[in-house]
Amino acid sequence: MPHATDNRPTLLLAMGPGIADRLLADRHRARLADLARTDPYLVAHDLAAPAPPVAAALATAEVLLTCWGAPPLTAAVLDTAPKLRAVVHAAGSVKHHITDACWERGIAVTSAAAANALPVAEYTLAAILFAGKNVLAAARNYAALRTTPPWPIGTGATGNYRRTVGLVGASRIGRRVIELLRPFDFEVLLYDPYVSAAEAASLGVEPVSLDVLCARSDIVSVHAPQLPDTYRMIGARQLALMPAGATLINTARGSLVDEAALLGELLTGRLHAVLDVTDPELPPRESPLYDLPNVLLTPHIAGSLGNELHRMADRALDEVERFAAGVPFADPVLPATLRHSA
């Protein structure tokens, strides 16, 4: 139904095939139609050579609502969207579709990265707690024995009391993990060259070098962005520094870890790993990672899945509402910070 005074912004959805149906429930489409002049069922998959309905919508769009698989917003694409003023990304990183041309034209950008950080942090917390309890080995041992193991189970190396957890990167996810760890009896170390000692103190963590973090931590969890400077930042030296029996958790990007060096440590049984990401993203079929008893390998499931996508949609529509009301975005993406973030 048209609004009496229809000054709502015009909006177009732009994302990969099938994503909109997973992202948007009926309530989201209804809210979107109330907030903006849009066809909530029209989704652009290609902006470089769009179909006529998409081309017409793009020509008048003031806002693009994007998600995974969004087409790149090149200068040529932006030439066909002269009224575009904002991009609201209902997912995490915008690096795949936001180009320098967007910043040059003063287009405002926001992201639901904070919403996507929550399930990754929850996965990490579960992995930390299970690693401390040695759950993976206990479960495999139980399945092999098929009887009650002799008591007491484990040694002083098992348990989560006064464990040391090292977090690599105070990203959104890293900071959320810090919050989730507060109720537990952990000592938390942090390596992040962009965090000052004062800020680390306010977070309740101890700032240390990467080597010191690896040497002191029972569990090392990686939360740094994928940048040239972070390529294989966890290498053979850092892995060798980790204590025997320690666990490496990677929910960031596989390229941050030297996988060949890690595999060497895992094959000896000296270290354990929880890997939600690998390099390459899909390990070869013959990779030992699938079968090693000291490895929990998952197929990049830590981020938003299933109904967790609706959290990102809610966050994105909150930002559309702010834009429609002429209020600054609550979570803007800025080019200066984008250079050292995911």
C-alpha atoms as a PDB file:
ATOM      1  CA  MET A   1       0.000   0.000   0.000  1.00  0.00           C
ATOM      2  CA  PRO A   2       1.509   3.412  -0.938  1.00  0.00           C
ATOM      3  CA  HIS A   3       2.434   5.696   1.932  1.00  0.00           C
ATOM      4  CA  ALA A   4       0.585   9.005   2.193  1.00  0.00           C
ATOM      5  CA  THR A   5       3.850  10.917   1.925  1.00  0.00           C
ATOM      6  CA  ASP A   6       6.171   8.502   0.185  1.00  0.00           C
ATOM      7  CA  ASN A   7       9.644   9.793   0.880  1.00  0.00           C
ATOM      8  CA  ARG A   8      10.966   6.322   1.579  1.00  0.00           C
ATOM      9  CA  PRO A   9      14.266   5.518  -0.133  1.00  0.00           C
ATOM     10  CA  THR A  10      14.280   3.336  -3.224  1.00  0.00           C
ATOM     11  CA  LEU A  11      16.043   0.025  -2.627  1.00  0.00           C
ATOM     12  CA  LEU A  12      17.269  -2.929  -4.655  1.00  0.00           C
ATOM     13  CA  LEU A  13      18.413  -6.326  -3.379  1.00  0.00           C
ATOM     14  CA  ALA A  14      21.720  -7.549  -4.848  1.00  0.00           C
ATOM     15  CA  MET A  15      23.199 -10.910  -3.850  1.00  0.00           C
ATOM     16  CA  GLY A  16      23.970 -14.403  -5.070  1.00  0.00           C
ATOM     17  CA  PRO A  17      21.303 -16.780  -6.404  1.00  0.00           C
ATOM     18  CA  GLY A  18      19.194 -18.357  -3.662  1.00  0.00           C
ATOM     19  CA  ILE A  19      20.662 -16.191  -0.894  1.00  0.00           C
ATOM     20  CA  ALA A  20      17.656 -13.874  -0.486  1.00  0.00           C
ATOM     21  CA  ASP A  21      15.298 -16.771   0.206  1.00  0.00           C
ATOM     22  CA  ARG A  22      17.606 -17.983   2.980  1.00  0.00           C
ATOM     23  CA  LEU A  23      18.254 -14.517   4.374  1.00  0.00           C
ATOM     24  CA  LEU A  24      14.761 -13.038   4.372  1.00  0.00           C
ATOM     25  CA  ALA A  25      11.739 -14.523   6.095  1.00  0.00           C
ATOM     26  CA  ASP A  26       8.278 -13.230   5.272  1.00  0.00           C
ATOM     27  CA  ARG A  27       8.501 -10.776   8.152  1.00  0.00           C
ATOM     28  CA  HIS A  28      11.706  -9.328   6.721  1.00  0.00           C
ATOM     29  CA  ARG A  29      10.185  -8.808   3.295  1.00  0.00           C
ATOM     30  CA  ALA A  30       7.154  -7.147   4.869  1.00  0.00           C
ATOM     31  CA  ARG A  31       9.343  -4.844   6.943  1.00  0.00           C
ATOM     32  CA  LEU A  32      11.495  -4.060   3.930  1.00  0.00           C
ATOM     33  CA  ALA A  33       8.451  -3.076   1.875  1.00  0.00           C
ATOM     34  CA  ASP A  34       7.375  -0.794   4.703  1.00  0.00           C
ATOM     35  CA  LEU A  35      10.783   0.857   5.041  1.00  0.00           C
ATOM     36  CA  ALA A  36      11.603   1.386   1.373  1.00  0.00           C
ATOM     37  CA  ARG A  37      10.155   1.619  -2.090  1.00  0.00           C
ATOM     38  CA  THR A  38      11.203  -1.766  -3.363  1.00  0.00           C
ATOM     39  CA  ASP A  39      10.120  -5.056  -4.813  1.00  0.00           C
ATOM     40  CA  PRO A  40      11.289  -7.362  -2.002  1.00  0.00           C
ATOM     41  CA  TYR A  41      11.252 -10.313  -4.417  1.00  0.00           C
ATOM     42  CA  LEU A  42      13.365  -8.696  -7.142  1.00  0.00           C
ATOM     43  CA  VAL A  43      17.008  -9.708  -6.595  1.00  0.00           C
ATOM     44  CA  ALA A  44      19.934  -8.617  -8.755  1.00  0.00           C
ATOM     45  CA  HIS A  45      22.560 -11.296  -9.335  1.00  0.00           C
ATOM     46  CA  ASP A  46      24.350  -9.417 -12.121  1.00  0.00           C
ATOM     47  CA  LEU A  47      24.740  -5.648 -12.199  1.00  0.00           C
ATOM     48  CA  ALA A  48      27.193  -5.471 -15.097  1.00  0.00           C
ATOM     49  CA  ALA A  49      24.662  -6.813 -17.613  1.00  0.00           C
ATOM     50  CA  PRO A  50      21.374  -6.765 -15.699  1.00  0.00           C
ATOM     51  CA  ALA A  51      18.007  -7.922 -16.963  1.00  0.00           C
ATOM     52  CA  PRO A  52      15.609  -5.061 -17.822  1.00  0.00           C
ATOM     53  CA  PRO A  53      13.686  -5.099 -14.494  1.00  0.00           C
ATOM     54  CA  VAL A  54      16.957  -5.008 -12.545  1.00  0.00           C
ATOM     55  CA  ALA A  55      18.405  -2.289 -14.779  1.00  0.00           C
ATOM     56  CA  ALA A  56      15.338  -0.114 -14.207  1.00  0.00           C
ATOM     57  CA  ALA A  57      15.489  -0.649 -10.438  1.00  0.00           C
ATOM     58  CA  LEU A  58      19.220   0.046 -10.354  1.00  0.00           C
ATOM     59  CA  ALA A  59      18.761   3.342 -12.196  1.00  0.00           C
ATOM     60  CA  THR A  60      16.572   4.665  -9.385  1.00  0.00           C
ATOM     61  CA  ALA A  61      18.039   2.844  -6.380  1.00  0.00           C
ATOM     62  CA  GLU A  62      19.268   4.943  -3.470  1.00  0.00           C
ATOM     63  CA  VAL A  63      20.144   1.882  -1.376  1.00  0.00           C
ATOM     64  CA  LEU A  64      21.485  -1.535  -2.269  1.00  0.00           C
ATOM     65  CA  LEU A  65      20.795  -4.326   0.213  1.00  0.00           C
ATOM     66  CA  THR A  66      23.562  -6.870  -0.390  1.00  0.00           C
ATOM     67  CA  CYS A  67      24.654 -10.201   1.008  1.00  0.00           C
ATOM     68  CA  TRP A  68      26.920 -13.102   0.011  1.00  0.00           C
ATOM     69  CA  GLY A  69      27.598 -13.265  -3.710  1.00  0.00           C
ATOM     70  CA  ALA A  70      26.840  -9.599  -4.304  1.00  0.00           C
ATOM     71  CA  PRO A  71      28.188  -8.444  -7.675  1.00  0.00           C
ATOM     72  CA  PRO A  72      31.114  -5.987  -7.593  1.00  0.00           C
ATOM     73  CA  LEU A  73      30.187  -2.307  -7.562  1.00  0.00           C
ATOM     74  CA  THR A  74      32.628  -1.152 -10.188  1.00  0.00           C
ATOM     75  CA  ALA A  75      32.776   2.354 -11.606  1.00  0.00           C
ATOM     76  CA  ALA A  76      30.897   1.109 -14.677  1.00  0.00           C
ATOM     77  CA  VAL A  77      28.125  -0.358 -12.521  1.00  0.00           C
ATOM     78  CA  LEU A  78      27.891   2.806 -10.452  1.00  0.00           C
ATOM     79  CA  ASP A  79      27.503   4.839 -13.641  1.00  0.00           C
ATOM     80  CA  THR A  80      24.193   3.013 -14.125  1.00  0.00           C
ATOM     81  CA  ALA A  81      23.137   3.787 -10.528  1.00  0.00           C
ATOM     82  CA  PRO A  82      23.370   7.592 -10.382  1.00  0.00           C
ATOM     83  CA  LYS A  83      21.131   7.929  -7.324  1.00  0.00           C
ATOM     84  CA  LEU A  84      22.907   5.326  -5.180  1.00  0.00           C
ATOM     85  CA  ARG A  85      23.790   6.736  -1.751  1.00  0.00           C
ATOM     86  CA  ALA A  86      24.229   3.695   0.491  1.00  0.00           C
ATOM     87  CA  VAL A  87      25.062  -0.018   0.547  1.00  0.00           C
ATOM     88  CA  VAL A  88      23.694  -2.090   3.433  1.00  0.00           C
ATOM     89  CA  HIS A  89      25.470  -5.448   3.583  1.00  0.00           C
ATOM     90  CA  ALA A  90      23.567  -8.180   5.409  1.00  0.00           C
ATOM     91  CA  ALA A  91      26.715 -10.223   6.061  1.00  0.00           C
ATOM     92  CA  GLY A  92      30.321  -9.727   7.173  1.00  0.00           C
ATOM     93  CA  SER A  93      33.130  -8.538   4.924  1.00  0.00           C
ATOM     94  CA  VAL A  94      32.365  -6.049   2.145  1.00  0.00           C
ATOM     95  CA  LYS A  95      35.731  -6.480   0.428  1.00  0.00           C
ATOM     96  CA  HIS A  96      34.290  -8.722  -2.266  1.00  0.00           C
ATOM     97  CA  HIS A  97      31.954  -6.101  -3.752  1.00  0.00           C
ATOM     98  CA  ILE A  98      32.819  -2.633  -2.411  1.00  0.00           C
ATOM     99  CA  THR A  99      35.407  -0.999  -4.671  1.00  0.00           C
ATOM    100  CA  ASP A 100      37.401   2.233  -4.522  1.00  0.00           C
ATOM    101  CA  ALA A 101      34.785   3.737  -6.830  1.00  0.00           C
ATOM    102  CA  CYS A 102      32.240   3.484  -3.997  1.00  0.00           C
ATOM    103  CA  TRP A 103      34.407   5.554  -1.657  1.00  0.00           C
ATOM    104  CA  GLU A 104      35.258   8.041  -4.406  1.00  0.00           C
ATOM    105  CA  ARG A 105      31.542   8.703  -4.918  1.00  0.00           C
ATOM    106  CA  GLY A 106      30.848   9.126  -1.218  1.00  0.00           C
ATOM    107  CA  ILE A 107      28.583   6.103  -0.938  1.00  0.00           C
ATOM    108  CA  ALA A 108      27.913   5.176   2.699  1.00  0.00           C
ATOM    109  CA  VAL A 109      28.491   1.522   3.577  1.00  0.00           C
ATOM    110  CA  THR A 110      27.394  -0.543   6.543  1.00  0.00           C
ATOM    111  CA  SER A 111      27.737  -4.212   7.380  1.00  0.00           C
ATOM    112  CA  ALA A 112      26.106  -6.796   9.621  1.00  0.00           C
ATOM    113  CA  ALA A 113      29.553  -8.104  10.564  1.00  0.00           C
ATOM    114  CA  ALA A 114      28.732  -7.710  14.247  1.00  0.00           C
ATOM    115  CA  ALA A 115      25.763 -10.048  13.851  1.00  0.00           C
ATOM    116  CA  ASN A 116      27.822 -12.572  11.896  1.00  0.00           C
ATOM    117  CA  ALA A 117      30.506 -12.476  14.599  1.00  0.00           C
ATOM    118  CA  LEU A 118      28.198 -13.951  17.230  1.00  0.00           C
ATOM    119  CA  PRO A 119      27.892 -17.541  15.949  1.00  0.00           C
ATOM    120  CA  VAL A 120      31.631 -17.666  15.186  1.00  0.00           C
ATOM    121  CA  ALA A 121      32.387 -16.619  18.746  1.00  0.00           C
ATOM    122  CA  GLU A 122      29.910 -19.186  20.075  1.00  0.00           C
ATOM    123  CA  TYR A 123      31.553 -21.931  18.003  1.00  0.00           C
ATOM    124  CA  THR A 124      34.935 -20.805  19.347  1.00  0.00           C
ATOM    125  CA  LEU A 125      33.751 -20.881  22.945  1.00  0.00           C
ATOM    126  CA  ALA A 126      32.436 -24.411  22.475  1.00  0.00           C
ATOM    127  CA  ALA A 127      35.719 -25.459  20.857  1.00  0.00           C
ATOM    128  CA  ILE A 128      37.748 -23.960  23.723  1.00  0.00           C
ATOM    129  CA  LEU A 129      35.679 -25.680  26.395  1.00  0.00           C
ATOM    130  CA  PHE A 130      35.728 -29.024  24.582  1.00  0.00           C
ATOM    131  CA  ALA A 131      39.470 -28.736  23.995  1.00  0.00           C
ATOM    132  CA  GLY A 132      40.074 -28.158  27.688  1.00  0.00           C
ATOM    133  CA  LYS A 133      37.988 -31.206  28.589  1.00  0.00           C
ATOM    134  CA  ASN A 134      39.786 -33.266  25.923  1.00  0.00           C
ATOM    135  CA  VAL A 135      36.374 -34.235  24.574  1.00  0.00           C
ATOM    136  CA  LEU A 136      37.500 -35.389  21.142  1.00  0.00           C
ATOM    137  CA  ALA A 137      40.019 -37.891  22.485  1.00  0.00           C
ATOM    138  CA  ALA A 138      37.656 -39.016  25.253  1.00  0.00           C
ATOM    139  CA  ALA A 139      34.869 -39.679  22.752  1.00  0.00           C
ATOM    140  CA  ARG A 140      37.142 -41.647  20.413  1.00  0.00           C
ATOM    141  CA  ASN A 141      38.552 -43.647  23.331  1.00  0.00           C
ATOM    142  CA  TYR A 142      35.070 -44.408  24.628  1.00  0.00           C
ATOM    143  CA  ALA A 143      33.957 -45.598  21.187  1.00  0.00           C
ATOM    144  CA  ALA A 144      37.023 -47.834  20.929  1.00  0.00           C
ATOM    145  CA  LEU A 145      36.685 -49.337  24.426  1.00  0.00           C
ATOM    146  CA  ARG A 146      32.878 -49.610  24.458  1.00  0.00           C
ATOM    147  CA  THR A 147      33.018 -49.831  28.208  1.00  0.00           C
ATOM    148  CA  THR A 148      33.398 -47.449  31.097  1.00  0.00           C
ATOM    149  CA  PRO A 149      36.957 -46.071  31.048  1.00  0.00           C
ATOM    150  CA  PRO A 150      39.018 -46.561  34.187  1.00  0.00           C
ATOM    151  CA  TRP A 151      38.725 -43.755  36.736  1.00  0.00           C
ATOM    152  CA  PRO A 152      39.938 -41.160  37.254  1.00  0.00           C
ATOM    153  CA  ILE A 153      39.679 -40.114  33.602  1.00  0.00           C
ATOM    154  CA  GLY A 154      42.488 -37.900  32.393  1.00  0.00           C
ATOM    155  CA  THR A 155      45.199 -36.141  34.304  1.00  0.00           C
ATOM    156  CA  GLY A 156      45.916 -32.642  35.511  1.00  0.00           C
ATOM    157  CA  ALA A 157      46.207 -31.717  31.836  1.00  0.00           C
ATOM    158  CA  THR A 158      42.447 -32.211  31.457  1.00  0.00           C
ATOM    159  CA  GLY A 159      39.963 -29.559  32.549  1.00  0.00           C
ATOM    160  CA  ASN A 160      39.220 -25.864  32.118  1.00  0.00           C
ATOM    161  CA  TYR A 161      40.308 -24.519  35.482  1.00  0.00           C
ATOM    162  CA  ARG A 162      42.988 -21.826  35.060  1.00  0.00           C
ATOM    163  CA  ARG A 163      43.696 -22.743  31.477  1.00  0.00           C
ATOM    164  CA  THR A 164      45.542 -20.196  29.363  1.00  0.00           C
ATOM    165  CA  VAL A 165      43.770 -19.175  26.154  1.00  0.00           C
ATOM    166  CA  GLY A 166      45.621 -17.140  23.552  1.00  0.00           C
ATOM    167  CA  LEU A 167      43.577 -15.087  21.089  1.00  0.00           C
ATOM    168  CA  VAL A 168      45.240 -13.934  17.882  1.00  0.00           C
ATOM    169  CA  GLY A 169      43.402 -10.784  16.844  1.00  0.00           C
ATOM    170  CA  ALA A 170      40.977  -8.485  18.644  1.00  0.00           C
ATOM    171  CA  SER A 171      38.569  -8.456  15.727  1.00  0.00           C
ATOM    172  CA  ARG A 172      34.815  -8.281  16.284  1.00  0.00           C
ATOM    173  CA  ILE A 173      34.885 -12.028  16.751  1.00  0.00           C
ATOM    174  CA  GLY A 174      37.957 -11.937  18.969  1.00  0.00           C
ATOM    175  CA  ARG A 175      36.359  -9.315  21.199  1.00  0.00           C
ATOM    176  CA  ARG A 176      33.139 -11.289  21.416  1.00  0.00           C
ATOM    177  CA  VAL A 177      35.146 -14.378  22.420  1.00  0.00           C
ATOM    178  CA  ILE A 178      36.788 -12.307  25.167  1.00  0.00           C
ATOM    179  CA  GLU A 179      33.327 -11.391  26.470  1.00  0.00           C
ATOM    180  CA  LEU A 180      32.143 -15.003  26.370  1.00  0.00           C
ATOM    181  CA  LEU A 181      35.231 -16.206  28.264  1.00  0.00           C
ATOM    182  CA  ARG A 182      34.721 -13.815  31.203  1.00  0.00           C
ATOM    183  CA  PRO A 183      32.547 -16.149  33.321  1.00  0.00           C
ATOM    184  CA  PHE A 184      35.207 -18.866  33.180  1.00  0.00           C
ATOM    185  CA  ASP A 185      38.462 -19.373  35.065  1.00  0.00           C
ATOM    186  CA  PHE A 186      40.740 -18.663  32.118  1.00  0.00           C
ATOM    187  CA  GLU A 187      43.821 -16.545  31.745  1.00  0.00           C
ATOM    188  CA  VAL A 188      43.393 -14.788  28.394  1.00  0.00           C
ATOM    189  CA  LEU A 189      46.346 -13.571  26.332  1.00  0.00           C
ATOM    190  CA  LEU A 190      46.002 -11.365  23.254  1.00  0.00           C
ATOM    191  CA  TYR A 191      48.210 -10.676  20.295  1.00  0.00           C
ATOM    192  CA  ASP A 192      47.062  -7.721  18.199  1.00  0.00           C
ATOM    193  CA  PRO A 193      49.478  -5.011  17.038  1.00  0.00           C
ATOM    194  CA  TYR A 194      46.599  -2.518  16.759  1.00  0.00           C
ATOM    195  CA  VAL A 195      45.542  -2.833  20.414  1.00  0.00           C
ATOM    196  CA  SER A 196      47.339  -0.700  22.984  1.00  0.00           C
ATOM    197  CA  ALA A 197      48.252  -1.890  26.465  1.00  0.00           C
ATOM    198  CA  ALA A 198      45.577   0.383  27.915  1.00  0.00           C
ATOM    199  CA  GLU A 199      42.896  -1.028  25.607  1.00  0.00           C
ATOM    200  CA  ALA A 200      43.990  -4.585  26.381  1.00  0.00           C
ATOM    201  CA  ALA A 201      43.653  -3.821  30.082  1.00  0.00           C
ATOM    202  CA  SER A 202      40.136  -2.501  29.495  1.00  0.00           C
ATOM    203  CA  LEU A 203      39.325  -5.757  27.698  1.00  0.00           C
ATOM    204  CA  GLY A 204      40.672  -7.744  30.636  1.00  0.00           C
ATOM    205  CA  VAL A 205      43.385  -9.527  28.650  1.00  0.00           C
ATOM    206  CA  GLU A 206      47.175  -9.571  28.754  1.00  0.00           C
ATOM    207  CA  PRO A 207      48.860  -8.233  25.604  1.00  0.00           C
ATOM    208  CA  VAL A 208      51.828 -10.318  24.467  1.00  0.00           C
ATOM    209  CA  SER A 209      53.839 -11.008  21.341  1.00  0.00           C
ATOM    210  CA  LEU A 210      52.698 -13.787  19.033  1.00  0.00           C
ATOM    211  CA  ASP A 211      55.583 -16.047  20.019  1.00  0.00           C
ATOM    212  CA  VAL A 212      54.929 -15.546  23.729  1.00  0.00           C
ATOM    213  CA  LEU A 213      51.227 -16.211  23.216  1.00  0.00           C
ATOM    214  CA  CYS A 214      51.951 -19.496  21.460  1.00  0.00           C
ATOM    215  CA  ALA A 215      54.496 -20.564  24.067  1.00  0.00           C
ATOM    216  CA  ARG A 216      52.192 -19.882  27.032  1.00  0.00           C
ATOM    217  CA  SER A 217      48.785 -20.947  25.724  1.00  0.00           C
ATOM    218  CA  ASP A 218      47.051 -24.259  26.191  1.00  0.00           C
ATOM    219  CA  ILE A 219      44.648 -23.191  23.452  1.00  0.00           C
ATOM    220  CA  VAL A 220      45.404 -20.756  20.614  1.00  0.00           C
ATOM    221  CA  SER A 221      42.429 -19.361  18.688  1.00  0.00           C
ATOM    222  CA  VAL A 222      42.921 -17.378  15.474  1.00  0.00           C
ATOM    223  CA  HIS A 223      40.718 -14.324  14.805  1.00  0.00           C
ATOM    224  CA  ALA A 224      42.893 -12.078  12.637  1.00  0.00           C
ATOM    225  CA  PRO A 225      41.794 -10.818   9.195  1.00  0.00           C
ATOM    226  CA  GLN A 226      43.163 -12.163   5.940  1.00  0.00           C
ATOM    227  CA  LEU A 227      45.764  -9.614   4.854  1.00  0.00           C
ATOM    228  CA  PRO A 228      49.196  -9.800   3.203  1.00  0.00           C
ATOM    229  CA  ASP A 229      50.730  -9.249   6.652  1.00  0.00           C
ATOM    230  CA  THR A 230      48.803 -12.148   8.199  1.00  0.00           C
ATOM    231  CA  TYR A 231      49.577 -14.762   5.548  1.00  0.00           C
ATOM    232  CA  ARG A 232      50.810 -17.869   7.414  1.00  0.00           C
ATOM    233  CA  MET A 233      51.341 -15.820  10.549  1.00  0.00           C
ATOM    234  CA  ILE A 234      51.039 -19.065  12.500  1.00  0.00           C
ATOM    235  CA  GLY A 235      54.074 -20.809  11.047  1.00  0.00           C
ATOM    236  CA  ALA A 236      56.454 -23.570  11.970  1.00  0.00           C
ATOM    237  CA  ARG A 237      58.153 -21.497  14.700  1.00  0.00           C
ATOM    238  CA  GLN A 238      54.904 -20.546  16.418  1.00  0.00           C
ATOM    239  CA  LEU A 239      53.574 -24.105  16.240  1.00  0.00           C
ATOM    240  CA  ALA A 240      56.817 -25.488  17.670  1.00  0.00           C
ATOM    241  CA  LEU A 241      56.491 -23.056  20.578  1.00  0.00           C
ATOM    242  CA  MET A 242      53.050 -24.377  21.535  1.00  0.00           C
ATOM    243  CA  PRO A 243      53.148 -26.801  24.481  1.00  0.00           C
ATOM    244  CA  ALA A 244      52.648 -30.509  23.834  1.00  0.00           C
ATOM    245  CA  GLY A 245      48.934 -31.280  23.986  1.00  0.00           C
ATOM    246  CA  ALA A 246      47.905 -27.720  23.086  1.00  0.00           C
ATOM    247  CA  THR A 247      45.057 -27.043  20.668  1.00  0.00           C
ATOM    248  CA  LEU A 248      44.968 -24.671  17.708  1.00  0.00           C
ATOM    249  CA  ILE A 249      41.523 -23.353  16.723  1.00  0.00           C
ATOM    250  CA  ASN A 250      41.092 -21.614  13.381  1.00  0.00           C
ATOM    251  CA  THR A 251      37.758 -20.028  12.448  1.00  0.00           C
ATOM    252  CA  ALA A 252      39.330 -17.122  10.530  1.00  0.00           C
ATOM    253  CA  ARG A 253      40.946 -18.050   7.220  1.00  0.00           C
ATOM    254  CA  GLY A 254      43.040 -21.074   6.323  1.00  0.00           C
ATOM    255  CA  SER A 255      45.799 -18.931   4.829  1.00  0.00           C
ATOM    256  CA  LEU A 256      46.684 -17.540   8.270  1.00  0.00           C
ATOM    257  CA  VAL A 257      48.193 -20.905   9.242  1.00  0.00           C
ATOM    258  CA  ASP A 258      51.060 -22.721   7.555  1.00  0.00           C
ATOM    259  CA  GLU A 259      49.077 -25.880   6.984  1.00  0.00           C
ATOM    260  CA  ALA A 260      52.057 -28.007   5.993  1.00  0.00           C
ATOM    261  CA  ALA A 261      53.805 -27.116   9.263  1.00  0.00           C
ATOM    262  CA  LEU A 262      50.604 -27.724  11.221  1.00  0.00           C
ATOM    263  CA  LEU A 263      50.072 -31.078   9.581  1.00  0.00           C
ATOM    264  CA  GLY A 264      53.576 -32.102  10.619  1.00  0.00           C
ATOM    265  CA  GLU A 265      52.732 -31.364  14.261  1.00  0.00           C
ATOM    266  CA  LEU A 266      49.355 -33.076  14.027  1.00  0.00           C
ATOM    267  CA  LEU A 267      50.745 -36.252  12.480  1.00  0.00           C
ATOM    268  CA  THR A 268      53.060 -36.706  15.460  1.00  0.00           C
ATOM    269  CA  GLY A 269      50.127 -36.219  17.840  1.00  0.00           C
ATOM    270  CA  ARG A 270      51.950 -33.406  19.651  1.00  0.00           C
ATOM    271  CA  LEU A 271      49.223 -30.853  18.943  1.00  0.00           C
ATOM    272  CA  HIS A 272      45.458 -30.914  18.490  1.00  0.00           C
ATOM    273  CA  ALA A 273      43.398 -28.761  16.136  1.00  0.00           C
ATOM    274  CA  VAL A 274      39.847 -27.559  15.585  1.00  0.00           C
ATOM    275  CA  LEU A 275      39.719 -26.320  12.002  1.00  0.00           C
ATOM    276  CA  ASP A 276      36.638 -24.711  10.485  1.00  0.00           C
ATOM    277  CA  VAL A 277      38.747 -23.260   7.666  1.00  0.00           C
ATOM    278  CA  THR A 278      41.686 -24.688   5.747  1.00  0.00           C
ATOM    279  CA  ASP A 279      44.005 -23.755   2.893  1.00  0.00           C
ATOM    280  CA  PRO A 280      42.745 -24.708   0.372  1.00  0.00           C
ATOM    281  CA  GLU A 281      39.202 -24.189   1.660  1.00  0.00           C
ATOM    282  CA  LEU A 282      38.331 -27.775   0.731  1.00  0.00           C
ATOM    283  CA  PRO A 283      41.176 -30.104   1.691  1.00  0.00           C
ATOM    284  CA  PRO A 284      42.128 -32.684  -0.939  1.00  0.00           C
ATOM    285  CA  ARG A 285      40.305 -36.004  -0.584  1.00  0.00           C
ATOM    286  CA  GLU A 286      43.548 -37.673   0.492  1.00  0.00           C
ATOM    287  CA  SER A 287      44.277 -35.114   3.235  1.00  0.00           C
ATOM    288  CA  PRO A 288      45.041 -36.673   6.638  1.00  0.00           C
ATOM    289  CA  LEU A 289      42.981 -33.906   8.252  1.00  0.00           C
ATOM    290  CA  TYR A 290      39.806 -35.897   7.616  1.00  0.00           C
ATOM    291  CA  ASP A 291      40.979 -38.900   9.624  1.00  0.00           C
ATOM    292  CA  LEU A 292      43.430 -37.733  12.275  1.00  0.00           C
ATOM    293  CA  PRO A 293      42.080 -38.536  15.758  1.00  0.00           C
ATOM    294  CA  ASN A 294      43.429 -35.255  17.160  1.00  0.00           C
ATOM    295  CA  VAL A 295      41.647 -33.052  14.587  1.00  0.00           C
ATOM    296  CA  LEU A 296      38.077 -31.796  14.509  1.00  0.00           C
ATOM    297  CA  LEU A 297      37.477 -30.639  10.939  1.00  0.00           C
ATOM    298  CA  THR A 298      34.258 -28.807  10.048  1.00  0.00           C
ATOM    299  CA  PRO A 299      33.186 -27.353   6.664  1.00  0.00           C
ATOM    300  CA  HIS A 300      33.214 -23.602   7.426  1.00  0.00           C
ATOM    301  CA  ILE A 301      30.103 -23.740   9.598  1.00  0.00           C
ATOM    302  CA  ALA A 302      31.139 -21.348  12.373  1.00  0.00           C
ATOM    303  CA  GLY A 303      29.581 -18.311  10.679  1.00  0.00           C
ATOM    304  CA  SER A 304      25.874 -17.647  10.276  1.00  0.00           C
ATOM    305  CA  LEU A 305      23.849 -20.650   9.099  1.00  0.00           C
ATOM    306  CA  GLY A 306      20.145 -21.456   9.040  1.00  0.00           C
ATOM    307  CA  ASN A 307      18.123 -19.221  11.316  1.00  0.00           C
ATOM    308  CA  GLU A 308      21.270 -17.270  12.219  1.00  0.00           C
ATOM    309  CA  LEU A 309      20.971 -15.547   8.835  1.00  0.00           C
ATOM    310  CA  HIS A 310      17.827 -13.888  10.158  1.00  0.00           C
ATOM    311  CA  ARG A 311      19.923 -12.111  12.790  1.00  0.00           C
ATOM    312  CA  MET A 312      21.960 -10.548   9.984  1.00  0.00           C
ATOM    313  CA  ALA A 313      18.762  -9.596   8.151  1.00  0.00           C
ATOM    314  CA  ASP A 314      17.395  -7.957  11.307  1.00  0.00           C
ATOM    315  CA  ARG A 315      20.623  -5.966  11.736  1.00  0.00           C
ATOM    316  CA  ALA A 316      20.632  -4.904   8.084  1.00  0.00           C
ATOM    317  CA  LEU A 317      17.010  -3.758   8.167  1.00  0.00           C
ATOM    318  CA  ASP A 318      17.730  -1.764  11.313  1.00  0.00           C
ATOM    319  CA  GLU A 319      20.334   0.089   9.254  1.00  0.00           C
ATOM    320  CA  VAL A 320      17.877   0.612   6.366  1.00  0.00           C
ATOM    321  CA  GLU A 321      15.481   2.104   8.899  1.00  0.00           C
ATOM    322  CA  ARG A 322      18.196   4.448  10.152  1.00  0.00           C
ATOM    323  CA  PHE A 323      18.977   5.534   6.611  1.00  0.00           C
ATOM    324  CA  ALA A 324      15.310   6.152   5.873  1.00  0.00           C
ATOM    325  CA  ALA A 325      15.068   8.292   9.023  1.00  0.00           C
ATOM    326  CA  GLY A 326      18.155  10.312   8.070  1.00  0.00           C
ATOM    327  CA  VAL A 327      20.138   8.924  10.998  1.00  0.00           C
ATOM    328  CA  PRO A 328      23.788   7.827  10.615  1.00  0.00           C
ATOM    329  CA  PHE A 329      24.445   4.121  10.404  1.00  0.00           C
ATOM    330  CA  ALA A 330      25.046   2.399  13.741  1.00  0.00           C
ATOM    331  CA  ASP A 331      27.811   0.259  12.250  1.00  0.00           C
ATOM    332  CA  PRO A 332      29.448   2.079   9.336  1.00  0.00           C
ATOM    333  CA  VAL A 333      32.281   0.592   7.303  1.00  0.00           C
ATOM    334  CA  LEU A 334      35.078   3.104   6.792  1.00  0.00           C
ATOM    335  CA  PRO A 335      37.834   2.779   4.192  1.00  0.00           C
ATOM    336  CA  ALA A 336      40.564   3.613   6.732  1.00  0.00           C
ATOM    337  CA  THR A 337      39.639   0.690   9.009  1.00  0.00           C
ATOM    338  CA  LEU A 338      38.777  -1.657   6.153  1.00  0.00           C
ATOM    339  CA  ARG A 339      42.440  -1.920   5.222  1.00  0.00           C
ATOM    340  CA  HIS A 340      43.260  -3.919   8.349  1.00  0.00           C
ATOM    341  CA  SER A 341      39.956  -5.699   8.927  1.00  0.00           C
ATOM    342  CA  ALA A 342      38.253  -8.687   7.376  1.00  0.00           C
END
